[in-house]
C-alpha atoms as a PDB file:
ATOM      1  CA  MET A   1     132.171 109.094  90.247  1.00  0.00           C
ATOM      2  CA  VAL A   2     134.011 108.118  93.476  1.00  0.00           C
ATOM      3  CA  ALA A   3     134.194 111.781  94.485  1.00  0.00           C
ATOM      4  CA  ALA A   4     130.784 112.295  94.088  1.00  0.00           C
ATOM      5  CA  ALA A   5     129.638 109.016  95.976  1.00  0.00           C
ATOM      6  CA  LYS A   6     131.868 110.655  99.047  1.00  0.00           C
ATOM      7  CA  VAL A   7     129.807 113.795  98.734  1.00  0.00           C
ATOM      8  CA  GLU A   8     126.488 111.891  98.735  1.00  0.00           C
ATOM      9  CA  ARG A   9     127.303 110.057 101.862  1.00  0.00           C
ATOM     10  CA  ALA A  10     128.924 113.108 103.365  1.00  0.00           C
ATOM     11  CA  ALA A  11     125.868 114.969 103.168  1.00  0.00           C
ATOM     12  CA  GLY A  12     123.595 112.019 104.154  1.00  0.00           C
ATOM     13  CA  VAL A  13     121.856 112.104 100.747  1.00  0.00           C
ATOM     14  CA  LEU A  14     121.484 109.357  98.016  1.00  0.00           C
ATOM     15  CA  SER A  15     120.996 109.919  94.525  1.00  0.00           C
ATOM     16  CA  SER A  16     118.386 108.305  92.261  1.00  0.00           C
ATOM     17  CA  LEU A  17     120.888 105.939  90.895  1.00  0.00           C
ATOM     18  CA  ALA A  18     122.083 104.957  94.346  1.00  0.00           C
ATOM     19  CA  LEU A  19     118.747 104.145  95.723  1.00  0.00           C
ATOM     20  CA  ARG A  20     117.830 102.166  92.750  1.00  0.00           C
ATOM     21  CA  THR A  21     120.840 100.131  93.068  1.00  0.00           C
ATOM     22  CA  ARG A  22     120.035  99.292  96.427  1.00  0.00           C
ATOM     23  CA  LEU A  23     116.644  98.389  96.175  1.00  0.00           C
ATOM     24  CA  ARG A  24     117.723  96.033  93.101  1.00  0.00           C
ATOM     25  CA  ALA A  25     120.599  94.600  95.464  1.00  0.00           C
ATOM     26  CA  ALA A  26     118.032  93.926  97.874  1.00  0.00           C
ATOM     27  CA  TRP A  27     115.985  91.991  95.190  1.00  0.00           C
ATOM     28  CA  LEU A  28     118.691  89.751  94.294  1.00  0.00           C
ATOM     29  CA  ARG A  29     119.643  88.836  97.970  1.00  0.00           C
ATOM     30  CA  HIS A  30     115.957  88.233  98.337  1.00  0.00           C
ATOM     31  CA  ARG A  31     115.956  85.890  95.533  1.00  0.00           C
ATOM     32  CA  SER A  32     119.355  84.062  96.428  1.00  0.00           C
ATOM     33  CA  VAL A  33     118.131  83.205  99.905  1.00  0.00           C
ATOM     34  CA  LEU A  34     114.717  82.256  98.729  1.00  0.00           C
ATOM     35  CA  LEU A  35     113.144  84.279 101.334  1.00  0.00           C
ATOM     36  CA  PRO A  36     109.437  84.459 101.863  1.00  0.00           C
ATOM     37  CA  ARG A  37     107.857  87.607 100.808  1.00  0.00           C
ATOM     38  CA  LEU A  38     109.130  90.525 102.658  1.00  0.00           C
ATOM     39  CA  LEU A  39     105.806  92.367 103.117  1.00  0.00           C
ATOM     40  CA  PRO A  40     102.917  90.367 103.730  1.00  0.00           C
ATOM     41  CA  ALA A  41     100.155  90.105 101.131  1.00  0.00           C
ATOM     42  CA  ARG A  42      97.308  92.612 102.418  1.00  0.00           C
ATOM     43  CA  PRO A  43      95.036  93.563  99.268  1.00  0.00           C
ATOM     44  CA  VAL A  44      93.191  96.664  99.187  1.00  0.00           C
ATOM     45  CA  ARG A  45      90.951  98.147  96.839  1.00  0.00           C
ATOM     46  CA  ALA A  46      91.526 101.988  96.176  1.00  0.00           C
ATOM     47  CA  LEU A  47      91.131 104.216  92.967  1.00  0.00           C
ATOM     48  CA  ASP A  48      89.093 101.211  91.303  1.00  0.00           C
ATOM     49  CA  LEU A  49      92.274  99.078  91.302  1.00  0.00           C
ATOM     50  CA  THR A  50      93.117  96.225  93.370  1.00  0.00           C
ATOM     51  CA  PHE A  51      96.655  96.676  95.210  1.00  0.00           C
ATOM     52  CA  THR A  52      98.353  93.687  96.477  1.00  0.00           C
ATOM     53  CA  SER A  53      99.460  95.504  99.510  1.00  0.00           C
ATOM     54  CA  PRO A  54      98.674  98.921 100.811  1.00  0.00           C
ATOM     55  CA  VAL A  55     102.471  99.764 100.887  1.00  0.00           C
ATOM     56  CA  LEU A  56     103.646 101.805  98.031  1.00  0.00           C
ATOM     57  CA  LEU A  57     107.056 103.003  96.771  1.00  0.00           C
ATOM     58  CA  ALA A  58     107.041 106.766  96.417  1.00  0.00           C
ATOM     59  CA  ALA A  59     108.349 108.699  93.451  1.00  0.00           C
ATOM     60  CA  GLY A  60     111.778 109.456  93.381  1.00  0.00           C
ATOM     61  CA  PHE A  61     113.298 106.156  93.937  1.00  0.00           C
ATOM     62  CA  ASP A  62     112.493 104.663  90.559  1.00  0.00           C
ATOM     63  CA  MET A  63     112.221 107.406  87.850  1.00  0.00           C
ATOM     64  CA  ARG A  64     111.335 105.444  84.639  1.00  0.00           C
ATOM     65  CA  GLY A  65     110.335 102.048  86.069  1.00  0.00           C
ATOM     66  CA  ALA A  66     113.281  99.729  86.181  1.00  0.00           C
ATOM     67  CA  LEU A  67     112.418  97.965  89.328  1.00  0.00           C
ATOM     68  CA  LEU A  68     109.202  96.187  88.595  1.00  0.00           C
ATOM     69  CA  GLU A  69     110.585  92.883  89.698  1.00  0.00           C
ATOM     70  CA  ALA A  70     112.346  94.301  92.457  1.00  0.00           C
ATOM     71  CA  ALA A  71     108.878  95.846  93.717  1.00  0.00           C
ATOM     72  CA  ALA A  72     107.016  92.732  93.137  1.00  0.00           C
ATOM     73  CA  ALA A  73     109.464  90.391  95.092  1.00  0.00           C
ATOM     74  CA  LEU A  74     109.578  92.911  98.165  1.00  0.00           C
ATOM     75  CA  GLY A  75     105.675  92.830  98.280  1.00  0.00           C
ATOM     76  CA  LEU A  76     104.988  96.395  97.324  1.00  0.00           C
ATOM     77  CA  GLY A  77     101.472  97.164  95.974  1.00  0.00           C
ATOM     78  CA  ALA A  78     102.602 100.042  93.588  1.00  0.00           C
ATOM     79  CA  ILE A  79     105.755 101.699  92.492  1.00  0.00           C
ATOM     80  CA  GLU A  80     105.616 105.443  91.339  1.00  0.00           C
ATOM     81  CA  ASN A  81     107.817 106.513  88.613  1.00  0.00           C
ATOM     82  CA  GLY A  82     108.684 110.143  88.407  1.00  0.00           C
ATOM     83  CA  SER A  83     108.391 113.087  89.144  1.00  0.00           C
ATOM     84  CA  PHE A  84     108.751 114.192  85.666  1.00  0.00           C
ATOM     85  CA  THR A  85     108.922 117.929  85.224  1.00  0.00           C
ATOM     86  CA  CYS A  86     106.517 118.734  82.261  1.00  0.00           C
ATOM     87  CA  PHE A  87     108.072 121.394  79.911  1.00  0.00           C
ATOM     88  CA  ASP A  88     106.221 122.549  77.072  1.00  0.00           C
ATOM     89  CA  GLY A  89     107.245 120.613  73.749  1.00  0.00           C
ATOM     90  CA  PRO A  90     108.019 117.131  72.674  1.00  0.00           C
ATOM     91  CA  VAL A  91     107.843 114.228  75.487  1.00  0.00           C
ATOM     92  CA  PRO A  92     110.815 112.009  75.526  1.00  0.00           C
ATOM     93  CA  PRO A  93     110.424 108.403  75.800  1.00  0.00           C
ATOM     94  CA  VAL A  94     110.896 108.514  79.599  1.00  0.00           C
ATOM     95  CA  LEU A  95     109.450 105.313  80.732  1.00  0.00           C
ATOM     96  CA  HIS A  96     110.051 101.535  80.443  1.00  0.00           C
ATOM     97  CA  ARG A  97     107.737  99.194  79.262  1.00  0.00           C
ATOM     98  CA  TRP A  98     105.640  97.441  81.731  1.00  0.00           C
ATOM     99  CA  PRO A  99     102.949  94.465  81.058  1.00  0.00           C
ATOM    100  CA  ARG A 100      99.492  95.170  80.420  1.00  0.00           C
ATOM    101  CA  VAL A 101      98.536  93.488  83.603  1.00  0.00           C
ATOM    102  CA  ARG A 102     100.392  95.051  86.396  1.00  0.00           C
ATOM    103  CA  ALA A 103     101.267  93.530  89.943  1.00  0.00           C
ATOM    104  CA  PRO A 104     102.289  95.801  91.285  1.00  0.00           C
ATOM    105  CA  LYS A 105     100.523  98.867  90.214  1.00  0.00           C
ATOM    106  CA  ARG A 106     102.086 101.842  88.381  1.00  0.00           C
ATOM    107  CA  GLY A 107     101.913 105.496  89.145  1.00  0.00           C
ATOM    108  CA  VAL A 108     103.226 108.046  87.106  1.00  0.00           C
ATOM    109  CA  SER A 109     104.082 111.658  88.843  1.00  0.00           C
ATOM    110  CA  LEU A 110     104.215 114.668  86.823  1.00  0.00           C
ATOM    111  CA  ARG A 111     105.344 118.363  87.826  1.00  0.00           C
ATOM    112  CA  PRO A 112     104.383 121.442  86.190  1.00  0.00           C
ATOM    113  CA  PRO A 113     107.363 123.780  85.459  1.00  0.00           C
ATOM    114  CA  PRO A 114     107.658 127.055  87.390  1.00  0.00           C
ATOM    115  CA  GLY A 115     106.381 130.033  85.756  1.00  0.00           C
ATOM    116  CA  PRO A 116     102.838 131.111  84.190  1.00  0.00           C
ATOM    117  CA  LEU A 117      99.867 129.047  84.479  1.00  0.00           C
ATOM    118  CA  ASP A 118      99.257 128.657  80.742  1.00  0.00           C
ATOM    119  CA  VAL A 119     102.630 127.297  80.238  1.00  0.00           C
ATOM    120  CA  ALA A 120     102.502 124.814  83.225  1.00  0.00           C
ATOM    121  CA  ARG A 121      99.093 123.560  81.695  1.00  0.00           C
ATOM    122  CA  ARG A 122     100.424 123.165  78.122  1.00  0.00           C
ATOM    123  CA  GLY A 123     103.221 120.993  79.580  1.00  0.00           C
ATOM    124  CA  LEU A 124     101.294 118.882  81.661  1.00  0.00           C
ATOM    125  CA  LEU A 125      98.510 118.215  79.185  1.00  0.00           C
ATOM    126  CA  ARG A 126     101.089 117.287  76.589  1.00  0.00           C
ATOM    127  CA  TRP A 127     102.752 114.836  78.793  1.00  0.00           C
ATOM    128  CA  LEU A 128      99.232 113.240  80.025  1.00  0.00           C
ATOM    129  CA  ALA A 129      98.469 112.465  76.173  1.00  0.00           C
ATOM    130  CA  THR A 130     101.899 110.377  76.030  1.00  0.00           C
ATOM    131  CA  VAL A 131     102.055 108.660  79.506  1.00  0.00           C
ATOM    132  CA  HIS A 132      98.299 107.974  80.443  1.00  0.00           C
ATOM    133  CA  GLY A 133      98.140 104.702  78.601  1.00  0.00           C
ATOM    134  CA  HIS A 134     101.274 103.361  80.992  1.00  0.00           C
ATOM    135  CA  ALA A 135      99.780 104.358  84.176  1.00  0.00           C
ATOM    136  CA  ASP A 136      97.479 102.890  86.591  1.00  0.00           C
ATOM    137  CA  TYR A 137      97.100 106.138  88.123  1.00  0.00           C
ATOM    138  CA  ILE A 138      98.662 109.703  87.704  1.00  0.00           C
ATOM    139  CA  VAL A 139      99.876 111.916  90.230  1.00  0.00           C
ATOM    140  CA  LEU A 140     100.085 115.988  89.906  1.00  0.00           C
ATOM    141  CA  ASN A 141     103.029 117.079  92.132  1.00  0.00           C
ATOM    142  CA  PRO A 142     102.356 120.735  92.271  1.00  0.00           C
ATOM    143  CA  GLY A 143     106.049 121.402  92.887  1.00  0.00           C
ATOM    144  CA  SER A 144     106.852 125.162  93.294  1.00  0.00           C
ATOM    145  CA  HIS A 145     102.964 125.833  92.759  1.00  0.00           C
ATOM    146  CA  ARG A 146     102.242 123.859  95.816  1.00  0.00           C
ATOM    147  CA  SER A 147     101.495 127.222  97.911  1.00  0.00           C
ATOM    148  CA  ALA A 148      99.201 128.540  95.279  1.00  0.00           C
ATOM    149  CA  ALA A 149      96.017 126.848  95.886  1.00  0.00           C
ATOM    150  CA  ASP A 150      93.970 128.500  93.189  1.00  0.00           C
ATOM    151  CA  VAL A 151      96.706 127.076  90.510  1.00  0.00           C
ATOM    152  CA  ILE A 152      96.830 123.684  91.703  1.00  0.00           C
ATOM    153  CA  ALA A 153      93.217 123.471  91.515  1.00  0.00           C
ATOM    154  CA  ASP A 154      93.046 124.882  88.249  1.00  0.00           C
ATOM    155  CA  LEU A 155      95.748 122.351  87.040  1.00  0.00           C
ATOM    156  CA  SER A 156      94.021 119.253  88.604  1.00  0.00           C
ATOM    157  CA  GLY A 157      90.820 120.022  86.851  1.00  0.00           C
ATOM    158  CA  SER A 158      92.420 120.743  83.353  1.00  0.00           C
ATOM    159  CA  MET A 159      94.202 117.325  83.756  1.00  0.00           C
ATOM    160  CA  ALA A 160      91.073 115.555  85.110  1.00  0.00           C
ATOM    161  CA  GLU A 161      89.194 116.763  81.721  1.00  0.00           C
ATOM    162  CA  ARG A 162      91.805 115.740  79.842  1.00  0.00           C
ATOM    163  CA  LEU A 163      92.206 112.057  81.156  1.00  0.00           C
ATOM    164  CA  ALA A 164      88.453 111.763  80.472  1.00  0.00           C
ATOM    165  CA  SER A 165      88.964 112.654  77.082  1.00  0.00           C
ATOM    166  CA  LEU A 166      92.083 110.518  76.321  1.00  0.00           C
ATOM    167  CA  SER A 167      90.244 107.067  77.390  1.00  0.00           C
ATOM    168  CA  CYS A 168      86.958 105.449  78.164  1.00  0.00           C
ATOM    169  CA  LYS A 169      88.722 104.180  81.286  1.00  0.00           C
ATOM    170  CA  PRO A 170      91.224 106.911  82.194  1.00  0.00           C
ATOM    171  CA  PRO A 171      93.906 106.294  85.036  1.00  0.00           C
ATOM    172  CA  ALA A 172      92.689 107.949  88.520  1.00  0.00           C
ATOM    173  CA  LEU A 173      94.200 111.499  88.979  1.00  0.00           C
ATOM    174  CA  VAL A 174      95.982 111.905  92.375  1.00  0.00           C
ATOM    175  CA  VAL A 175      96.879 115.223  93.307  1.00  0.00           C
ATOM    176  CA  LYS A 176     100.064 115.816  95.931  1.00  0.00           C
ATOM    177  CA  LEU A 177      98.720 117.863  98.836  1.00  0.00           C
ATOM    178  CA  SER A 178     101.375 119.237 101.814  1.00  0.00           C
ATOM    179  CA  ALA A 179     100.181 119.785 105.172  1.00  0.00           C
ATOM    180  CA  ASP A 180     103.035 122.198 105.943  1.00  0.00           C
ATOM    181  CA  ASN A 181     101.937 125.392 107.051  1.00  0.00           C
ATOM    182  CA  LEU A 182      98.238 124.936 106.675  1.00  0.00           C
ATOM    183  CA  THR A 183      95.314 124.892 109.602  1.00  0.00           C
ATOM    184  CA  SER A 184      93.245 122.050 109.359  1.00  0.00           C
ATOM    185  CA  LYS A 185      90.234 124.243 108.240  1.00  0.00           C
ATOM    186  CA  GLU A 186      92.566 125.324 105.140  1.00  0.00           C
ATOM    187  CA  LEU A 187      93.529 121.992 104.632  1.00  0.00           C
ATOM    188  CA  SER A 188      89.904 120.549 104.694  1.00  0.00           C
ATOM    189  CA  ARG A 189      88.990 123.320 102.322  1.00  0.00           C
ATOM    190  CA  HIS A 190      91.739 122.749  99.634  1.00  0.00           C
ATOM    191  CA  ALA A 191      91.648 119.158  99.826  1.00  0.00           C
ATOM    192  CA  ARG A 192      87.739 119.303  99.194  1.00  0.00           C
ATOM    193  CA  ARG A 193      88.308 121.771  96.138  1.00  0.00           C
ATOM    194  CA  LEU A 194      90.781 119.445  94.581  1.00  0.00           C
ATOM    195  CA  PHE A 195      88.271 116.498  94.899  1.00  0.00           C
ATOM    196  CA  ASP A 196      85.480 118.435  93.657  1.00  0.00           C
ATOM    197  CA  GLY A 197      87.532 119.533  90.466  1.00  0.00           C
ATOM    198  CA  GLY A 198      88.157 115.793  89.574  1.00  0.00           C
ATOM    199  CA  ALA A 199      91.074 114.363  91.528  1.00  0.00           C
ATOM    200  CA  ARG A 200      90.018 110.831  92.918  1.00  0.00           C
ATOM    201  CA  GLY A 201      92.961 110.542  95.316  1.00  0.00           C
ATOM    202  CA  LEU A 202      94.782 112.772  97.541  1.00  0.00           C
ATOM    203  CA  LEU A 203      98.474 112.119  98.146  1.00  0.00           C
ATOM    204  CA  LEU A 204      98.871 113.910 101.749  1.00  0.00           C
ATOM    205  CA  SER A 205     102.549 114.975 102.647  1.00  0.00           C
ATOM    206  CA  THR A 206     103.335 114.937 106.181  1.00  0.00           C
ATOM    207  CA  GLU A 207     106.865 115.100 106.026  1.00  0.00           C
ATOM    208  CA  SER A 208     107.601 117.686 108.807  1.00  0.00           C
ATOM    209  CA  SER A 209     103.973 117.513 110.425  1.00  0.00           C
ATOM    210  CA  PRO A 210     103.933 116.406 114.047  1.00  0.00           C
ATOM    211  CA  ALA A 211     100.296 115.449 114.310  1.00  0.00           C
ATOM    212  CA  VAL A 212     100.236 113.136 111.290  1.00  0.00           C
ATOM    213  CA  VAL A 213      97.224 110.840 112.497  1.00  0.00           C
ATOM    214  CA  ASP A 214      95.279 114.091 113.206  1.00  0.00           C
ATOM    215  CA  THR A 215      95.917 115.718 109.998  1.00  0.00           C
ATOM    216  CA  LEU A 216      94.962 112.447 107.928  1.00  0.00           C
ATOM    217  CA  ALA A 217      91.549 112.090 110.045  1.00  0.00           C
ATOM    218  CA  THR A 218      90.978 115.838 109.227  1.00  0.00           C
ATOM    219  CA  VAL A 219      91.285 115.418 105.389  1.00  0.00           C
ATOM    220  CA  ALA A 220      89.467 111.886 105.705  1.00  0.00           C
ATOM    221  CA  ALA A 221      86.392 113.541 107.112  1.00  0.00           C
ATOM    222  CA  ALA A 222      86.529 116.287 104.693  1.00  0.00           C
ATOM    223  CA  CYS A 223      86.644 114.198 101.453  1.00  0.00           C
ATOM    224  CA  PRO A 224      85.151 110.868 102.600  1.00  0.00           C
ATOM    225  CA  GLN A 225      85.114 109.443  98.872  1.00  0.00           C
ATOM    226  CA  ALA A 226      88.445 110.226  97.754  1.00  0.00           C
ATOM    227  CA  THR A 227      91.306 107.822  98.017  1.00  0.00           C
ATOM    228  CA  LEU A 228      93.743 109.008 100.768  1.00  0.00           C
ATOM    229  CA  ILE A 229      97.501 108.168 100.602  1.00  0.00           C
ATOM    230  CA  SER A 230     100.089 109.152 103.133  1.00  0.00           C
ATOM    231  CA  VAL A 231     103.410 109.726 102.550  1.00  0.00           C
ATOM    232  CA  GLY A 232     106.511 110.851 104.817  1.00  0.00           C
ATOM    233  CA  GLY A 233     108.464 109.521 107.665  1.00  0.00           C
ATOM    234  CA  VAL A 234     107.122 105.781 107.631  1.00  0.00           C
ATOM    235  CA  ARG A 235     109.596 103.544 109.065  1.00  0.00           C
ATOM    236  CA  THR A 236     107.444 100.775 110.938  1.00  0.00           C
ATOM    237  CA  ALA A 237     104.516  98.528 110.492  1.00  0.00           C
ATOM    238  CA  THR A 238     102.901 100.279 113.549  1.00  0.00           C
ATOM    239  CA  GLN A 239     103.007 103.697 111.788  1.00  0.00           C
ATOM    240  CA  ILE A 240     101.531 102.219 108.429  1.00  0.00           C
ATOM    241  CA  ASP A 241      98.761 100.564 110.687  1.00  0.00           C
ATOM    242  CA  GLU A 242      97.950 104.019 112.693  1.00  0.00           C
ATOM    243  CA  ARG A 243      97.785 105.746 109.263  1.00  0.00           C
ATOM    244  CA  LEU A 244      95.365 103.309 107.718  1.00  0.00           C
ATOM    245  CA  ALA A 245      93.401 103.618 110.898  1.00  0.00           C
ATOM    246  CA  ALA A 246      93.313 107.359 110.797  1.00  0.00           C
ATOM    247  CA  GLY A 247      91.626 107.039 107.396  1.00  0.00           C
ATOM    248  CA  ALA A 248      94.695 106.399 104.695  1.00  0.00           C
ATOM    249  CA  GLN A 249      93.975 103.754 102.004  1.00  0.00           C
ATOM    250  CA  LEU A 250      97.613 103.659 101.069  1.00  0.00           C
ATOM    251  CA  VAL A 251     100.954 104.376 102.510  1.00  0.00           C
ATOM    252  CA  GLN A 252     103.897 105.324 100.677  1.00  0.00           C
ATOM    253  CA  ILE A 253     107.457 104.629 101.829  1.00  0.00           C
ATOM    254  CA  HIS A 254     110.717 106.068 100.565  1.00  0.00           C
ATOM    255  CA  ARG A 255     113.570 107.160 102.865  1.00  0.00           C
ATOM    256  CA  THR A 256     113.490 103.906 104.844  1.00  0.00           C
ATOM    257  CA  LEU A 257     114.722 102.241 102.086  1.00  0.00           C
ATOM    258  CA  SER A 258     117.692 104.295 101.739  1.00  0.00           C
ATOM    259  CA  GLY A 259     119.514 102.079 104.373  1.00  0.00           C
ATOM    260  CA  ASP A 260     119.130  98.353 104.104  1.00  0.00           C
ATOM    261  CA  PRO A 261     115.966  97.751 102.191  1.00  0.00           C
ATOM    262  CA  LEU A 262     115.688  94.147 103.426  1.00  0.00           C
ATOM    263  CA  ARG A 263     116.075  95.540 107.275  1.00  0.00           C
ATOM    264  CA  ALA A 264     113.655  98.187 106.642  1.00  0.00           C
ATOM    265  CA  CYS A 265     110.979  95.609 104.961  1.00  0.00           C
ATOM    266  CA  ARG A 266     111.388  93.447 107.861  1.00  0.00           C
ATOM    267  CA  ARG A 267     110.471  96.479 110.219  1.00  0.00           C
ATOM    268  CA  LEU A 268     107.726  97.356 107.877  1.00  0.00           C
ATOM    269  CA  ARG A 269     106.264  93.740 107.744  1.00  0.00           C
ATOM    270  CA  GLY A 270     105.956  94.116 111.805  1.00  0.00           C
END
């Protein structure tokens, strides 16, 4: 364990457990000194849900949903569990139980396995049937299929149909879309196809895109009725406000909390 921790520190990468531990430590410190809410309450309506804040915790930080209390104490609007790779076969009990009325909200991120489309679809639909009742919204993370626009559109359409058949009020489907290596025209066309196929939200990743605000504005114009969620490179309150002004309704944070979460939240508070 000690050797592994040294390797992680040397590489500048934190494991899921390390990230989870840091957020838990931030929550304990927050409670012990009775600090005010770290992120201000800024309710926003999106995906037919009311989020207490437009700032959400991205997937990969808390895989199974252990940090409900921590996320609430920090003032986050939602916490996204996963991403889970949906191999065909029985679905393991992957999620911790959350209360029926959730504040913050809960997203569950699902990723298709690599390989043929029919295998990917089977795995995703099997997992949907198990986890949909635990989620306020479901995210399709294309994973290894992300460069295949036709495959992603087909999978998201199948998921939207399945969610509608499982519940009279199904959780909204959000599809993760990477802006990397796409022109504005290609990005707009792809986003529109996903929305027309049943996705109600688009999680736009701009991790390595230099023109984040322009990219968000492009997708917002192409899909004005979709809920747009921005993720990638968010570290300050100013960046959050810029992305919201460009057309995003929600903004996810991740790596900024891998240092000192309390200090990060103060920067995000502005």
